[in-house]
Amino acid sequence: MDDEPRRSGSGAAGAWRKAVPPPALCGFLLLLALMFTVAYAVGAAAGPVAPGLHGTGSGGAGDGGPGDGDMDMGGMHGGAGR
């Protein structure tokens, strides 16, 4: 006979149960991944927010021209009360 007492959850099955995260955590991570996937798909389908805006291009010193970080406000260059 076996002189060693049997323990429930010992061996490979017990180690496997300890290594698996709780089902609530798995569900939360799955939901989080699904939300990011849907948000990315919606953003890709919507396209750019403002199609007329472009990046800075080469990233040079900047000459004050378009694409230098300044946005054209469409004639809103006056002070208050004009």
PDB file of N, CA and C in Angstrom:
ATOM      1  N   MET A   1       0.809  -1.195   0.000  1.00  0.00           N
ATOM      2  CA  MET A   1       0.000   0.000   0.000  1.00  0.00           C
ATOM      3  C   MET A   1       0.849   1.253   0.000  1.00  0.00           C
ATOM      4  N   ASP A   2       0.195   2.347  -0.238  1.00  0.00           N
ATOM      5  CA  ASP A   2       0.866   3.641  -0.303  1.00  0.00           C
ATOM      6  C   ASP A   2       0.960   4.220   1.107  1.00  0.00           C
ATOM      7  N   ASP A   3       2.170   4.504   1.549  1.00  0.00           N
ATOM      8  CA  ASP A   3       2.340   5.094   2.876  1.00  0.00           C
ATOM      9  C   ASP A   3       2.107   6.602   2.860  1.00  0.00           C
ATOM     10  N   GLU A   4       2.195   7.205   1.678  1.00  0.00           N
ATOM     11  CA  GLU A   4       2.025   8.656   1.562  1.00  0.00           C
ATOM     12  C   GLU A   4       0.540   8.993   1.460  1.00  0.00           C
ATOM     13  N   PRO A   5       0.062   9.917   2.295  1.00  0.00           N
ATOM     14  CA  PRO A   5      -1.368  10.278   2.220  1.00  0.00           C
ATOM     15  C   PRO A   5      -1.681  11.010   0.928  1.00  0.00           C
ATOM     16  N   ARG A   6      -2.853  10.776   0.415  1.00  0.00           N
ATOM     17  CA  ARG A   6      -3.279  11.447  -0.822  1.00  0.00           C
ATOM     18  C   ARG A   6      -3.805  12.833  -0.489  1.00  0.00           C
ATOM     19  N   ARG A   7      -3.418  13.771  -1.311  1.00  0.00           N
ATOM     20  CA  ARG A   7      -3.906  15.141  -1.147  1.00  0.00           C
ATOM     21  C   ARG A   7      -4.774  15.467  -2.345  1.00  0.00           C
ATOM     22  N   SER A   8      -5.886  16.090  -2.094  1.00  0.00           N
ATOM     23  CA  SER A   8      -6.730  16.497  -3.213  1.00  0.00           C
ATOM     24  C   SER A   8      -6.099  17.718  -3.875  1.00  0.00           C
ATOM     25  N   GLY A   9      -6.040  17.684  -5.183  1.00  0.00           N
ATOM     26  CA  GLY A   9      -5.475  18.817  -5.916  1.00  0.00           C
ATOM     27  C   GLY A   9      -3.972  18.771  -6.021  1.00  0.00           C
ATOM     28  N   SER A  10      -3.350  17.680  -5.659  1.00  0.00           N
ATOM     29  CA  SER A  10      -1.900  17.616  -5.774  1.00  0.00           C
ATOM     30  C   SER A  10      -1.522  17.094  -7.145  1.00  0.00           C
ATOM     31  N   GLY A  11      -0.299  17.322  -7.537  1.00  0.00           N
ATOM     32  CA  GLY A  11       0.179  16.835  -8.819  1.00  0.00           C
ATOM     33  C   GLY A  11      -0.081  17.824  -9.935  1.00  0.00           C
ATOM     34  N   ALA A  12      -0.179  17.282 -11.141  1.00  0.00           N
ATOM     35  CA  ALA A  12      -0.321  18.119 -12.328  1.00  0.00           C
ATOM     36  C   ALA A  12      -1.666  18.834 -12.361  1.00  0.00           C
ATOM     37  N   ALA A  13      -2.727  18.166 -11.899  1.00  0.00           N
ATOM     38  CA  ALA A  13      -4.051  18.792 -11.924  1.00  0.00           C
ATOM     39  C   ALA A  13      -4.114  19.982 -10.979  1.00  0.00           C
ATOM     40  N   GLY A  14      -3.516  19.862  -9.815  1.00  0.00           N
ATOM     41  CA  GLY A  14      -3.498  20.967  -8.852  1.00  0.00           C
ATOM     42  C   GLY A  14      -2.680  22.137  -9.351  1.00  0.00           C
ATOM     43  N   ALA A  15      -1.545  21.836  -9.988  1.00  0.00           N
ATOM     44  CA  ALA A  15      -0.701  22.909 -10.535  1.00  0.00           C
ATOM     45  C   ALA A  15      -1.411  23.613 -11.681  1.00  0.00           C
ATOM     46  N   TRP A  16      -2.175  22.867 -12.477  1.00  0.00           N
ATOM     47  CA  TRP A  16      -2.900  23.459 -13.599  1.00  0.00           C
ATOM     48  C   TRP A  16      -3.991  24.401 -13.094  1.00  0.00           C
ATOM     49  N   ARG A  17      -4.679  24.006 -12.034  1.00  0.00           N
ATOM     50  CA  ARG A  17      -5.739  24.869 -11.485  1.00  0.00           C
ATOM     51  C   ARG A  17      -5.173  26.164 -10.934  1.00  0.00           C
ATOM     52  N   LYS A  18      -3.990  26.114 -10.370  1.00  0.00           N
ATOM     53  CA  LYS A  18      -3.379  27.323  -9.826  1.00  0.00           C
ATOM     54  C   LYS A  18      -2.873  28.246 -10.934  1.00  0.00           C
ATOM     55  N   ALA A  19      -2.517  27.689 -12.076  1.00  0.00           N
ATOM     56  CA  ALA A  19      -1.952  28.487 -13.165  1.00  0.00           C
ATOM     57  C   ALA A  19      -3.026  29.176 -13.997  1.00  0.00           C
ATOM     58  N   VAL A  20      -4.254  28.671 -13.990  1.00  0.00           N
ATOM     59  CA  VAL A  20      -5.328  29.240 -14.791  1.00  0.00           C
ATOM     60  C   VAL A  20      -5.938  30.428 -14.053  1.00  0.00           C
ATOM     61  N   PRO A  21      -6.042  31.588 -14.717  1.00  0.00           N
ATOM     62  CA  PRO A  21      -6.652  32.750 -14.063  1.00  0.00           C
ATOM     63  C   PRO A  21      -8.155  32.535 -13.865  1.00  0.00           C
ATOM     64  N   PRO A  22      -8.739  33.288 -12.971  1.00  0.00           N
ATOM     65  CA  PRO A  22     -10.185  33.141 -12.720  1.00  0.00           C
ATOM     66  C   PRO A  22     -11.003  33.452 -13.971  1.00  0.00           C
ATOM     67  N   PRO A  23     -12.160  32.820 -14.122  1.00  0.00           N
ATOM     68  CA  PRO A  23     -12.987  33.055 -15.307  1.00  0.00           C
ATOM     69  C   PRO A  23     -13.421  34.511 -15.470  1.00  0.00           C
ATOM     70  N   ALA A  24     -13.625  35.221 -14.365  1.00  0.00           N
ATOM     71  CA  ALA A  24     -14.025  36.627 -14.465  1.00  0.00           C
ATOM     72  C   ALA A  24     -12.922  37.464 -15.116  1.00  0.00           C
ATOM     73  N   LEU A  25     -11.677  37.173 -14.799  1.00  0.00           N
ATOM     74  CA  LEU A  25     -10.560  37.902 -15.403  1.00  0.00           C
ATOM     75  C   LEU A  25     -10.462  37.587 -16.891  1.00  0.00           C
ATOM     76  N   CYS A  26     -10.643  36.333 -17.248  1.00  0.00           N
ATOM     77  CA  CYS A  26     -10.616  35.950 -18.666  1.00  0.00           C
ATOM     78  C   CYS A  26     -11.743  36.645 -19.429  1.00  0.00           C
ATOM     79  N   GLY A  27     -12.926  36.696 -18.840  1.00  0.00           N
ATOM     80  CA  GLY A  27     -14.046  37.371 -19.485  1.00  0.00           C
ATOM     81  C   GLY A  27     -13.798  38.857 -19.657  1.00  0.00           C
ATOM     82  N   PHE A  28     -13.219  39.483 -18.627  1.00  0.00           N
ATOM     83  CA  PHE A  28     -12.918  40.908 -18.700  1.00  0.00           C
ATOM     84  C   PHE A  28     -11.894  41.194 -19.799  1.00  0.00           C
ATOM     85  N   LEU A  29     -10.835  40.387 -19.871  1.00  0.00           N
ATOM     86  CA  LEU A  29      -9.820  40.606 -20.903  1.00  0.00           C
ATOM     87  C   LEU A  29     -10.379  40.362 -22.295  1.00  0.00           C
ATOM     88  N   LEU A  30     -11.252  39.379 -22.429  1.00  0.00           N
ATOM     89  CA  LEU A  30     -11.891  39.121 -23.718  1.00  0.00           C
ATOM     90  C   LEU A  30     -12.782  40.297 -24.120  1.00  0.00           C
ATOM     91  N   LEU A  31     -13.550  40.826 -23.185  1.00  0.00           N
ATOM     92  CA  LEU A  31     -14.401  41.981 -23.462  1.00  0.00           C
ATOM     93  C   LEU A  31     -13.569  43.208 -23.818  1.00  0.00           C
ATOM     94  N   LEU A  32     -12.465  43.403 -23.122  1.00  0.00           N
ATOM     95  CA  LEU A  32     -11.585  44.535 -23.405  1.00  0.00           C
ATOM     96  C   LEU A  32     -11.000  44.433 -24.812  1.00  0.00           C
ATOM     97  N   ALA A  33     -10.545  43.251 -25.185  1.00  0.00           N
ATOM     98  CA  ALA A  33     -10.000  43.053 -26.531  1.00  0.00           C
ATOM     99  C   ALA A  33     -11.074  43.260 -27.589  1.00  0.00           C
ATOM    100  N   LEU A  34     -12.280  42.809 -27.314  1.00  0.00           N
ATOM    101  CA  LEU A  34     -13.377  42.995 -28.262  1.00  0.00           C
ATOM    102  C   LEU A  34     -13.710  44.474 -28.433  1.00  0.00           C
ATOM    103  N   MET A  35     -13.727  45.227 -27.342  1.00  0.00           N
ATOM    104  CA  MET A  35     -14.030  46.663 -27.422  1.00  0.00           C
ATOM    105  C   MET A  35     -12.959  47.402 -28.220  1.00  0.00           C
ATOM    106  N   PHE A  36     -11.675  47.088 -28.004  1.00  0.00           N
ATOM    107  CA  PHE A  36     -10.614  47.732 -28.764  1.00  0.00           C
ATOM    108  C   PHE A  36     -10.710  47.384 -30.241  1.00  0.00           C
ATOM    109  N   THR A  37     -11.054  46.139 -30.551  1.00  0.00           N
ATOM    110  CA  THR A  37     -11.187  45.726 -31.943  1.00  0.00           C
ATOM    111  C   THR A  37     -12.323  46.473 -32.635  1.00  0.00           C
ATOM    112  N   VAL A  38     -13.460  46.581 -31.955  1.00  0.00           N
ATOM    113  CA  VAL A  38     -14.606  47.294 -32.533  1.00  0.00           C
ATOM    114  C   VAL A  38     -14.281  48.776 -32.696  1.00  0.00           C
ATOM    115  N   ALA A  39     -13.638  49.374 -31.700  1.00  0.00           N
ATOM    116  CA  ALA A  39     -13.292  50.793 -31.784  1.00  0.00           C
ATOM    117  C   ALA A  39     -12.317  51.057 -32.934  1.00  0.00           C
ATOM    118  N   TYR A  40     -11.365  50.156 -33.131  1.00  0.00           N
ATOM    119  CA  TYR A  40     -10.416  50.320 -34.231  1.00  0.00           C
ATOM    120  C   TYR A  40     -11.130  50.198 -35.575  1.00  0.00           C
ATOM    121  N   ALA A  41     -12.041  49.238 -35.672  1.00  0.00           N
ATOM    122  CA  ALA A  41     -12.770  49.045 -36.931  1.00  0.00           C
ATOM    123  C   ALA A  41     -13.648  50.256 -37.251  1.00  0.00           C
ATOM    124  N   VAL A  42     -14.304  50.810 -36.238  1.00  0.00           N
ATOM    125  CA  VAL A  42     -15.140  51.998 -36.456  1.00  0.00           C
ATOM    126  C   VAL A  42     -14.272  53.186 -36.855  1.00  0.00           C
ATOM    127  N   GLY A  43     -13.133  53.360 -36.210  1.00  0.00           N
ATOM    128  CA  GLY A  43     -12.241  54.460 -36.558  1.00  0.00           C
ATOM    129  C   GLY A  43     -11.675  54.325 -37.959  1.00  0.00           C
ATOM    130  N   ALA A  44     -11.348  53.112 -38.346  1.00  0.00           N
ATOM    131  CA  ALA A  44     -10.823  52.893 -39.697  1.00  0.00           C
ATOM    132  C   ALA A  44     -11.905  53.142 -40.738  1.00  0.00           C
ATOM    133  N   ALA A  45     -13.150  52.782 -40.422  1.00  0.00           N
ATOM    134  CA  ALA A  45     -14.249  53.001 -41.365  1.00  0.00           C
ATOM    135  C   ALA A  45     -14.602  54.484 -41.474  1.00  0.00           C
ATOM    136  N   ALA A  46     -14.468  55.221 -40.375  1.00  0.00           N
ATOM    137  CA  ALA A  46     -14.810  56.644 -40.372  1.00  0.00           C
ATOM    138  C   ALA A  46     -13.792  57.469 -41.139  1.00  0.00           C
ATOM    139  N   GLY A  47     -12.552  57.020 -41.172  1.00  0.00           N
ATOM    140  CA  GLY A  47     -11.511  57.747 -41.884  1.00  0.00           C
ATOM    141  C   GLY A  47     -10.931  58.859 -41.032  1.00  0.00           C
ATOM    142  N   PRO A  48     -10.137  59.718 -41.632  1.00  0.00           N
ATOM    143  CA  PRO A  48      -9.514  60.804 -40.869  1.00  0.00           C
ATOM    144  C   PRO A  48     -10.555  61.799 -40.365  1.00  0.00           C
ATOM    145  N   VAL A  49     -10.250  62.421 -39.249  1.00  0.00           N
ATOM    146  CA  VAL A  49     -11.184  63.371 -38.641  1.00  0.00           C
ATOM    147  C   VAL A  49     -11.343  64.595 -39.527  1.00  0.00           C
ATOM    148  N   ALA A  50     -10.239  65.138 -39.999  1.00  0.00           N
ATOM    149  CA  ALA A  50     -10.259  66.311 -40.867  1.00  0.00           C
ATOM    150  C   ALA A  50      -9.373  66.011 -42.066  1.00  0.00           C
ATOM    151  N   PRO A  51      -9.963  65.628 -43.194  1.00  0.00           N
ATOM    152  CA  PRO A  51      -9.158  65.240 -44.350  1.00  0.00           C
ATOM    153  C   PRO A  51      -8.212  66.325 -44.852  1.00  0.00           C
ATOM    154  N   GLY A  52      -8.484  67.596 -44.599  1.00  0.00           N
ATOM    155  CA  GLY A  52      -7.615  68.673 -45.071  1.00  0.00           C
ATOM    156  C   GLY A  52      -6.360  68.841 -44.248  1.00  0.00           C
ATOM    157  N   LEU A  53      -6.315  68.291 -43.057  1.00  0.00           N
ATOM    158  CA  LEU A  53      -5.133  68.431 -42.212  1.00  0.00           C
ATOM    159  C   LEU A  53      -4.121  67.373 -42.588  1.00  0.00           C
ATOM    160  N   HIS A  54      -2.874  67.786 -42.692  1.00  0.00           N
ATOM    161  CA  HIS A  54      -1.796  66.875 -43.030  1.00  0.00           C
ATOM    162  C   HIS A  54      -0.719  66.987 -41.981  1.00  0.00           C
ATOM    163  N   GLY A  55       0.140  66.004 -41.925  1.00  0.00           N
ATOM    164  CA  GLY A  55       1.259  66.027 -40.989  1.00  0.00           C
ATOM    165  C   GLY A  55       2.275  67.087 -41.363  1.00  0.00           C
ATOM    166  N   THR A  56       3.321  67.174 -40.575  1.00  0.00           N
ATOM    167  CA  THR A  56       4.343  68.192 -40.805  1.00  0.00           C
ATOM    168  C   THR A  56       5.253  67.830 -41.957  1.00  0.00           C
ATOM    169  N   GLY A  57       5.144  66.632 -42.474  1.00  0.00           N
ATOM    170  CA  GLY A  57       5.965  66.249 -43.622  1.00  0.00           C
ATOM    171  C   GLY A  57       7.341  65.815 -43.205  1.00  0.00           C
ATOM    172  N   SER A  58       8.384  66.540 -43.675  1.00  0.00           N
ATOM    173  CA  SER A  58       9.761  66.138 -43.430  1.00  0.00           C
ATOM    174  C   SER A  58      10.220  66.446 -42.018  1.00  0.00           C
ATOM    175  N   GLY A  59       9.497  67.260 -41.287  1.00  0.00           N
ATOM    176  CA  GLY A  59       9.908  67.608 -39.926  1.00  0.00           C
ATOM    177  C   GLY A  59      11.035  68.617 -39.896  1.00  0.00           C
ATOM    178  N   GLY A  60      11.095  69.485 -40.906  1.00  0.00           N
ATOM    179  CA  GLY A  60      12.151  70.498 -40.981  1.00  0.00           C
ATOM    180  C   GLY A  60      11.969  71.584 -39.932  1.00  0.00           C
ATOM    181  N   ALA A  61      12.771  72.630 -40.035  1.00  0.00           N
ATOM    182  CA  ALA A  61      12.746  73.713 -39.059  1.00  0.00           C
ATOM    183  C   ALA A  61      11.440  74.487 -39.110  1.00  0.00           C
ATOM    184  N   GLY A  62      10.760  74.468 -40.224  1.00  0.00           N
ATOM    185  CA  GLY A  62       9.480  75.172 -40.335  1.00  0.00           C
ATOM    186  C   GLY A  62       9.653  76.563 -40.880  1.00  0.00           C
ATOM    187  N   ASP A  63       8.921  76.854 -41.946  1.00  0.00           N
ATOM    188  CA  ASP A  63       9.012  78.172 -42.550  1.00  0.00           C
ATOM    189  C   ASP A  63       7.737  78.973 -42.345  1.00  0.00           C
ATOM    190  N   GLY A  64       6.855  78.495 -41.495  1.00  0.00           N
ATOM    191  CA  GLY A  64       5.619  79.212 -41.236  1.00  0.00           C
ATOM    192  C   GLY A  64       4.546  78.922 -42.251  1.00  0.00           C
ATOM    193  N   GLY A  65       4.802  78.025 -43.162  1.00  0.00           N
ATOM    194  CA  GLY A  65       3.835  77.692 -44.200  1.00  0.00           C
ATOM    195  C   GLY A  65       2.833  76.656 -43.713  1.00  0.00           C
ATOM    196  N   PRO A  66       1.985  76.197 -44.626  1.00  0.00           N
ATOM    197  CA  PRO A  66       1.014  75.180 -44.257  1.00  0.00           C
ATOM    198  C   PRO A  66       1.709  73.904 -43.793  1.00  0.00           C
ATOM    199  N   GLY A  67       1.089  73.229 -42.865  1.00  0.00           N
ATOM    200  CA  GLY A  67       1.674  72.018 -42.339  1.00  0.00           C
ATOM    201  C   GLY A  67       2.741  72.275 -41.296  1.00  0.00           C
ATOM    202  N   ASP A  68       2.867  73.512 -40.857  1.00  0.00           N
ATOM    203  CA  ASP A  68       3.875  73.869 -39.860  1.00  0.00           C
ATOM    204  C   ASP A  68       3.287  73.852 -38.458  1.00  0.00           C
ATOM    205  N   GLY A  69       2.103  73.281 -38.301  1.00  0.00           N
ATOM    206  CA  GLY A  69       1.477  73.242 -36.995  1.00  0.00           C
ATOM    207  C   GLY A  69       0.447  74.338 -36.803  1.00  0.00           C
ATOM    208  N   ASP A  70       0.417  75.351 -37.693  1.00  0.00           N
ATOM    209  CA  ASP A  70      -0.569  76.419 -37.598  1.00  0.00           C
ATOM    210  C   ASP A  70      -1.787  76.032 -38.422  1.00  0.00           C
ATOM    211  N   MET A  71      -2.949  76.191 -37.825  1.00  0.00           N
ATOM    212  CA  MET A  71      -4.179  75.892 -38.559  1.00  0.00           C
ATOM    213  C   MET A  71      -4.802  77.190 -39.047  1.00  0.00           C
ATOM    214  N   ASP A  72      -5.320  77.181 -40.248  1.00  0.00           N
ATOM    215  CA  ASP A  72      -6.011  78.339 -40.795  1.00  0.00           C
ATOM    216  C   ASP A  72      -7.400  78.385 -40.179  1.00  0.00           C
ATOM    217  N   MET A  73      -7.711  79.463 -39.490  1.00  0.00           N
ATOM    218  CA  MET A  73      -8.988  79.584 -38.801  1.00  0.00           C
ATOM    219  C   MET A  73     -10.058  80.234 -39.681  1.00  0.00           C
ATOM    220  N   GLY A  74      -9.810  80.365 -40.945  1.00  0.00           N
ATOM    221  CA  GLY A  74     -10.829  80.871 -41.866  1.00  0.00           C
ATOM    222  C   GLY A  74     -11.210  82.321 -41.627  1.00  0.00           C
ATOM    223  N   GLY A  75     -10.264  83.207 -41.479  1.00  0.00           N
ATOM    224  CA  GLY A  75     -10.561  84.645 -41.327  1.00  0.00           C
ATOM    225  C   GLY A  75     -10.841  85.066 -39.889  1.00  0.00           C
ATOM    226  N   MET A  76     -10.509  84.281 -38.926  1.00  0.00           N
ATOM    227  CA  MET A  76     -10.748  84.631 -37.531  1.00  0.00           C
ATOM    228  C   MET A  76      -9.479  85.197 -36.894  1.00  0.00           C
ATOM    229  N   HIS A  77      -8.858  86.180 -37.554  1.00  0.00           N
ATOM    230  CA  HIS A  77      -7.581  86.712 -37.069  1.00  0.00           C
ATOM    231  C   HIS A  77      -7.750  88.034 -36.336  1.00  0.00           C
ATOM    232  N   GLY A  78      -8.940  88.527 -36.181  1.00  0.00           N
ATOM    233  CA  GLY A  78      -9.145  89.809 -35.510  1.00  0.00           C
ATOM    234  C   GLY A  78      -9.250  89.652 -34.004  1.00  0.00           C
ATOM    235  N   GLY A  79      -9.184  90.753 -33.302  1.00  0.00           N
ATOM    236  CA  GLY A  79      -9.342  90.738 -31.854  1.00  0.00           C
ATOM    237  C   GLY A  79     -10.812  90.728 -31.480  1.00  0.00           C
ATOM    238  N   ALA A  80     -11.102  90.806 -30.208  1.00  0.00           N
ATOM    239  CA  ALA A  80     -12.486  90.784 -29.736  1.00  0.00           C
ATOM    240  C   ALA A  80     -13.168  92.100 -30.104  1.00  0.00           C
ATOM    241  N   GLY A  81     -14.417  92.051 -30.517  1.00  0.00           N
ATOM    242  CA  GLY A  81     -15.190  93.245 -30.799  1.00  0.00           C
ATOM    243  C   GLY A  81     -15.057  93.730 -32.226  1.00  0.00           C
ATOM    244  N   ARG A  82     -14.412  93.026 -33.077  1.00  0.00           N
ATOM    245  CA  ARG A  82     -14.291  93.478 -34.468  1.00  0.00           C
ATOM    246  C   ARG A  82     -15.422  92.983 -35.297  1.00  0.00           C
TER     247      ARG A  82
END
